């Protein structure tokens, strides 16, 4: 495992954060199944990917110098 990625691109990190939130939520009567946690985690990864692509595109459109 020589390559690296940003923390927000990690399924493990999002899965852990969602599991923590689900545990806290269950204290208040909110029940989230493991299947729902997986769906939420995947949705967050898709959203962060889309946001990253939008930011890259916006940055390129607003740039004042041409690429290479």
Protein backbone atom coordinates (compact mmCIF):
# COMPACT_ATOMS: atom_id res chain seq x y z
CA UNK A 1 0.00 0.00 0.00
CA UNK A 2 2.22 2.79 -1.32
CA UNK A 3 -0.38 5.26 -2.51
CA UNK A 4 -2.31 7.62 -0.28
CA UNK A 5 -5.62 9.43 -0.44
CA UNK A 6 -7.34 12.19 1.45
CA UNK A 7 -9.13 11.17 4.66
CA UNK A 8 -12.53 12.08 3.24
CA UNK A 9 -12.08 9.57 0.42
CA UNK A 10 -11.79 6.65 2.84
CA UNK A 11 -14.74 4.29 3.24
CA UNK A 12 -13.25 3.18 6.55
CA UNK A 13 -13.22 6.71 7.98
CA UNK A 14 -16.79 7.44 6.84
CA UNK A 15 -17.97 4.05 8.04
CA UNK A 16 -16.45 4.66 11.47
CA UNK A 17 -17.93 8.17 11.70
CA UNK A 18 -21.37 6.89 10.70
CA UNK A 19 -21.11 3.99 13.16
CA UNK A 20 -20.26 6.45 15.94
CA UNK A 21 -23.19 8.67 14.94
CA UNK A 22 -25.49 5.62 14.85
CA UNK A 23 -24.35 4.61 18.34
CA UNK A 24 -25.00 8.08 19.68
CA UNK A 25 -28.32 8.19 17.83
CA UNK A 26 -29.45 4.91 19.38
CA UNK A 27 -29.08 6.55 22.79
CA UNK A 28 -31.82 8.94 21.70
CA UNK A 29 -34.00 6.25 20.08
CA UNK A 30 -32.72 6.58 16.49
CA UNK A 31 -32.02 3.15 15.02
CA UNK A 32 -29.83 2.87 11.90
CA UNK A 33 -29.17 -0.63 10.55
CA UNK A 34 -25.77 -1.72 9.25
CA UNK A 35 -27.20 -1.79 5.73
CA UNK A 36 -28.42 1.81 6.08
CA UNK A 37 -25.02 2.81 7.45
CA UNK A 38 -23.36 1.34 4.34
CA UNK A 39 -25.75 3.22 2.05
CA UNK A 40 -25.11 6.49 3.91
CA UNK A 41 -21.35 5.96 3.72
CA UNK A 42 -21.47 5.33 -0.04
CA UNK A 43 -23.68 8.38 -0.58
CA UNK A 44 -21.24 10.60 1.33
CA UNK A 45 -18.34 9.31 -0.78
CA UNK A 46 -20.27 10.05 -3.98
CA UNK A 47 -21.16 13.54 -2.78
CA UNK A 48 -17.59 14.38 -1.75
CA UNK A 49 -16.35 13.15 -5.14
CA UNK A 50 -18.85 15.36 -6.94
CA UNK A 51 -17.93 18.36 -4.79
CA UNK A 52 -14.23 17.78 -5.53
CA UNK A 53 -14.91 17.62 -9.27
CA UNK A 54 -16.98 20.81 -9.11
CA UNK A 55 -14.24 22.66 -7.22
CA UNK A 56 -11.62 21.51 -9.74
CA UNK A 57 -13.77 22.62 -12.67
CA UNK A 58 -14.59 25.96 -11.02
CA UNK A 59 -10.91 26.55 -10.29
CA UNK A 60 -9.97 25.86 -13.89
CA UNK A 61 -12.67 28.17 -15.24
CA UNK A 62 -11.63 31.00 -12.90
CA UNK A 63 -7.89 30.57 -13.50
CA UNK A 64 -6.14 33.51 -15.07
CA UNK A 65 -3.41 31.52 -16.83
CA UNK A 66 -3.68 28.89 -19.50
CA UNK A 67 -2.72 25.29 -18.90
CA UNK A 68 0.58 24.19 -20.42
